[in-house]
N, C-alpha and C. Protein backbone atom coordinates (compact mmCIF):
# COMPACT_ATOMS: atom_id res chain seq x y z
N UNK A 1 105.01 163.34 136.68
CA UNK A 1 104.09 162.53 136.46
C UNK A 1 104.26 160.84 137.11
N UNK A 2 105.46 160.48 136.59
CA UNK A 2 106.32 159.02 137.01
C UNK A 2 106.83 158.95 138.55
N UNK A 3 106.89 159.92 138.96
CA UNK A 3 107.76 160.09 140.18
C UNK A 3 107.31 159.10 141.15
N UNK A 4 108.51 158.38 141.54
CA UNK A 4 108.20 157.14 142.49
C UNK A 4 107.90 155.76 141.63
N UNK A 5 107.83 155.78 140.62
CA UNK A 5 107.50 154.48 140.07
C UNK A 5 108.93 154.06 139.28
N UNK A 6 109.84 153.22 140.18
CA UNK A 6 110.85 152.88 139.84
C UNK A 6 111.06 152.15 138.63
N UNK A 7 112.16 153.05 137.27
CA UNK A 7 112.12 152.81 136.11
C UNK A 7 111.45 153.56 135.02
N UNK A 8 110.28 154.65 135.18
CA UNK A 8 109.24 155.30 134.77
C UNK A 8 109.50 156.38 134.31
N UNK A 9 110.55 157.19 135.05
CA UNK A 9 111.43 158.40 134.60
C UNK A 9 111.68 158.66 132.96
N UNK A 10 112.63 157.97 132.38
CA UNK A 10 112.61 157.97 130.97
C UNK A 10 111.20 157.41 130.34
N UNK A 11 110.23 156.99 130.82
CA UNK A 11 108.86 156.62 129.81
C UNK A 11 108.27 157.59 128.96
N UNK A 12 108.27 158.88 130.31
CA UNK A 12 107.40 159.82 130.16
C UNK A 12 108.11 160.72 128.60
N UNK A 13 109.70 161.06 129.04
CA UNK A 13 110.18 161.68 128.02
C UNK A 13 110.41 161.14 126.73
N UNK A 14 109.94 159.73 126.66
CA UNK A 14 109.84 158.91 125.63
C UNK A 14 108.40 158.78 124.95
N UNK A 15 107.84 159.32 125.18
CA UNK A 15 106.20 159.35 125.16
C UNK A 15 106.02 160.50 124.76
N UNK A 16 106.46 161.35 125.42
CA UNK A 16 106.43 162.90 124.53
C UNK A 16 107.50 163.34 123.77
N UNK A 17 108.22 162.64 123.41
CA UNK A 17 109.16 162.81 122.10
C UNK A 17 108.36 162.14 120.93
N UNK A 18 107.49 161.33 121.25
CA UNK A 18 106.80 160.11 120.51
C UNK A 18 105.61 161.45 119.95
N UNK A 19 105.11 161.87 120.68
CA UNK A 19 103.82 162.42 120.52
C UNK A 19 104.38 163.97 119.78
N UNK A 20 105.60 164.49 119.88
CA UNK A 20 106.49 165.63 119.15
C UNK A 20 106.72 165.37 117.57
N UNK A 21 107.05 163.94 117.45
CA UNK A 21 107.29 163.58 116.66
C UNK A 21 105.88 163.83 115.65
N UNK A 22 105.00 162.59 116.21
CA UNK A 22 103.82 162.52 115.19
C UNK A 22 103.31 164.17 114.91
N UNK A 23 103.28 164.80 115.47
CA UNK A 23 102.70 165.94 115.64
C UNK A 23 103.55 166.38 114.02
N UNK A 24 105.11 166.39 114.14
CA UNK A 24 106.05 167.37 113.37
C UNK A 24 105.67 166.32 112.04
N UNK A 25 105.57 165.03 112.39
CA UNK A 25 105.32 164.74 110.44
C UNK A 25 103.73 164.91 110.17
N UNK A 26 102.74 165.17 110.97
CA UNK A 26 101.28 165.56 110.68
C UNK A 26 101.81 167.22 109.93
N UNK A 27 101.73 167.64 110.93
CA UNK A 27 102.27 169.45 110.16
C UNK A 27 103.10 169.20 108.52
N UNK A 28 103.84 168.50 108.65
CA UNK A 28 104.66 167.95 106.88
C UNK A 28 103.50 167.73 105.93
N UNK A 29 103.05 166.63 106.23
CA UNK A 29 101.83 166.53 105.73
C UNK A 29 100.49 167.47 104.78
N UNK A 30 100.19 168.08 106.13
CA UNK A 30 99.48 169.19 106.34
C UNK A 30 99.76 170.26 105.38
N UNK A 31 101.03 170.74 105.71
CA UNK A 31 101.54 171.52 104.58
C UNK A 31 102.02 171.24 103.12
N UNK A 32 102.11 169.95 102.99
CA UNK A 32 102.18 170.00 101.49
C UNK A 32 101.08 169.92 100.96
N UNK A 33 100.01 169.72 101.64
CA UNK A 33 98.53 169.84 101.08
C UNK A 33 97.92 171.21 100.97
N UNK A 34 98.26 172.06 102.08
CA UNK A 34 97.57 173.28 101.90
C UNK A 34 98.56 174.20 102.20
N UNK A 35 98.03 175.66 102.19
CA UNK A 35 99.02 176.60 102.72
C UNK A 35 98.21 176.81 104.01
N UNK A 36 99.72 177.09 105.03
CA UNK A 36 99.02 177.39 106.58
C UNK A 36 100.13 177.81 106.94
N UNK A 37 99.66 178.69 108.03
CA UNK A 37 100.46 179.62 108.69
C UNK A 37 100.30 179.20 110.58
N UNK A 38 101.50 179.36 110.84
CA UNK A 38 100.83 179.28 112.57
C UNK A 38 100.68 180.65 113.14
N UNK A 39 99.40 180.55 114.06
CA UNK A 39 99.04 182.08 114.77
C UNK A 39 99.85 182.44 116.28
N UNK A 40 99.72 183.31 116.05
CA UNK A 40 100.83 183.66 116.81
C UNK A 40 100.77 184.74 117.91
N UNK A 41 101.62 185.36 118.76
CA UNK A 41 101.06 186.65 119.74
C UNK A 41 101.90 187.34 119.14
N UNK A 42 101.77 188.48 119.19
CA UNK A 42 102.08 190.32 118.56
C UNK A 42 102.26 190.96 119.42
N UNK A 43 103.08 191.61 119.61
CA UNK A 43 103.63 192.87 120.58
C UNK A 43 103.52 194.28 119.73
N UNK A 44 102.73 194.69 120.27
CA UNK A 44 102.60 196.47 119.25
C UNK A 44 102.56 197.34 120.49
N UNK A 45 103.56 198.15 120.18
CA UNK A 45 103.52 199.27 121.19
C UNK A 45 102.75 200.46 121.07
N UNK A 46 101.80 200.84 122.23
CA UNK A 46 101.23 201.86 122.06
C UNK A 46 101.33 203.47 122.55
N UNK A 47 100.73 204.26 122.10
CA UNK A 47 101.20 205.96 122.84
C UNK A 47 100.98 205.74 124.26
N UNK A 48 99.58 205.15 125.17
CA UNK A 48 99.62 205.75 126.36
C UNK A 48 100.19 204.54 127.43
N UNK A 49 100.56 203.56 126.72
CA UNK A 49 101.27 202.55 127.69
C UNK A 49 102.33 201.62 127.21
N UNK A 50 103.06 200.99 128.00
CA UNK A 50 103.87 200.18 127.21
C UNK A 50 103.87 199.01 125.81
N UNK A 51 102.95 199.06 125.83
CA UNK A 51 102.53 198.09 124.80
C UNK A 51 101.59 197.16 125.32
N UNK A 52 101.62 196.25 124.44
CA UNK A 52 100.22 195.28 124.77
C UNK A 52 100.26 193.57 123.46
N UNK A 53 100.25 192.74 124.04
CA UNK A 53 100.68 191.51 123.28
C UNK A 53 99.10 191.23 122.83
N UNK A 54 99.05 190.99 121.71
CA UNK A 54 97.24 190.63 121.10
C UNK A 54 97.83 189.23 120.09
N UNK A 55 96.56 188.44 120.65
CA UNK A 55 96.95 187.37 120.14
C UNK A 55 95.96 186.85 118.75
N UNK A 56 97.03 186.24 118.05
CA UNK A 56 96.35 185.79 116.54
C UNK A 56 94.92 184.73 116.57
N UNK A 57 95.40 183.82 117.42
CA UNK A 57 94.71 183.12 117.89
C UNK A 57 93.16 182.96 118.01
N UNK A 58 93.21 184.12 119.30
CA UNK A 58 91.78 184.28 119.84
C UNK A 58 91.18 185.50 118.97
N UNK A 59 92.00 186.28 118.33
CA UNK A 59 91.09 187.22 117.07
C UNK A 59 90.71 186.13 116.22
N UNK A 60 91.40 185.04 115.79
CA UNK A 60 90.65 184.28 114.37
C UNK A 60 89.54 183.61 115.54
N UNK A 61 89.41 182.80 116.52
CA UNK A 61 88.20 181.97 117.33
C UNK A 61 87.20 183.18 117.37
N UNK A 62 87.64 184.73 117.94
CA UNK A 62 86.41 185.49 118.20
C UNK A 62 85.80 185.88 116.79
N UNK A 63 86.76 185.61 116.10
CA UNK A 63 85.88 186.63 114.19
C UNK A 63 85.04 184.87 113.90
N UNK A 64 85.57 184.06 113.90
CA UNK A 64 84.34 183.07 113.80
C UNK A 64 83.02 182.37 114.84
N UNK A 65 83.37 183.30 116.00
CA UNK A 65 81.76 183.20 116.80
C UNK A 65 81.06 184.36 116.75
N UNK A 66 81.79 185.76 116.08
CA UNK A 66 81.00 186.46 116.30
C UNK A 66 81.11 187.56 115.07
N UNK A 67 81.48 187.13 114.22
CA UNK A 67 81.64 187.80 112.85
C UNK A 67 82.50 189.34 112.49
N UNK A 68 82.88 189.68 114.03
CA UNK A 68 83.88 191.06 114.29
C UNK A 68 85.24 190.56 114.19
N UNK A 69 85.79 191.21 113.55
CA UNK A 69 87.12 191.33 113.02
C UNK A 69 88.03 192.05 113.84
N UNK A 70 88.41 191.99 114.79
CA UNK A 70 89.46 193.20 115.61
C UNK A 70 90.31 192.65 116.64
N UNK A 71 91.72 193.25 116.33
CA UNK A 71 92.34 192.44 117.51
C UNK A 71 92.11 191.89 118.87
N UNK A 72 92.44 191.35 119.45
CA UNK A 72 92.09 190.54 120.86
C UNK A 72 93.72 190.63 121.57
N UNK A 73 93.26 191.25 122.86
CA UNK A 73 94.28 191.71 123.73
C UNK A 73 94.64 190.50 124.19
N UNK A 74 95.76 190.12 124.61
CA UNK A 74 95.66 188.31 125.37
C UNK A 74 95.56 188.83 126.52
N UNK A 75 94.79 188.27 127.35
CA UNK A 75 94.46 188.61 128.74
C UNK A 75 95.47 188.52 130.24
N UNK A 76 96.57 187.57 129.57
CA UNK A 76 97.66 187.23 130.66
C UNK A 76 98.51 188.55 130.87
N UNK A 77 98.88 189.38 129.95
CA UNK A 77 99.70 190.60 129.59
C UNK A 77 99.36 191.99 130.70
N UNK A 78 100.11 192.03 131.50
CA UNK A 78 99.74 193.12 132.48
C UNK A 78 99.94 194.33 131.23
N UNK A 79 98.74 195.33 131.98
CA UNK A 79 98.58 196.47 131.16
C UNK A 79 98.78 197.56 132.34
N UNK A 80 100.42 198.39 132.02
CA UNK A 80 100.76 199.38 133.24
C UNK A 80 100.09 200.91 132.62
């Protein structure tokens, strides 16, 4: 992002670290007030294939939009 600008290589890293620090501080305050769990991807082995990756965040968003609750396969995972 800062390529070619003299003296700015460290600036990008500093801004990124500041952002990560503020996100971590927000998470700490939020967790002290509410019960929260991080939504993640889950690998499940299936009988007919090598397995699939299901994404909890996609499942949550789908449930909010459609009121249907079922696992959502992550689209970037190759199916064999």
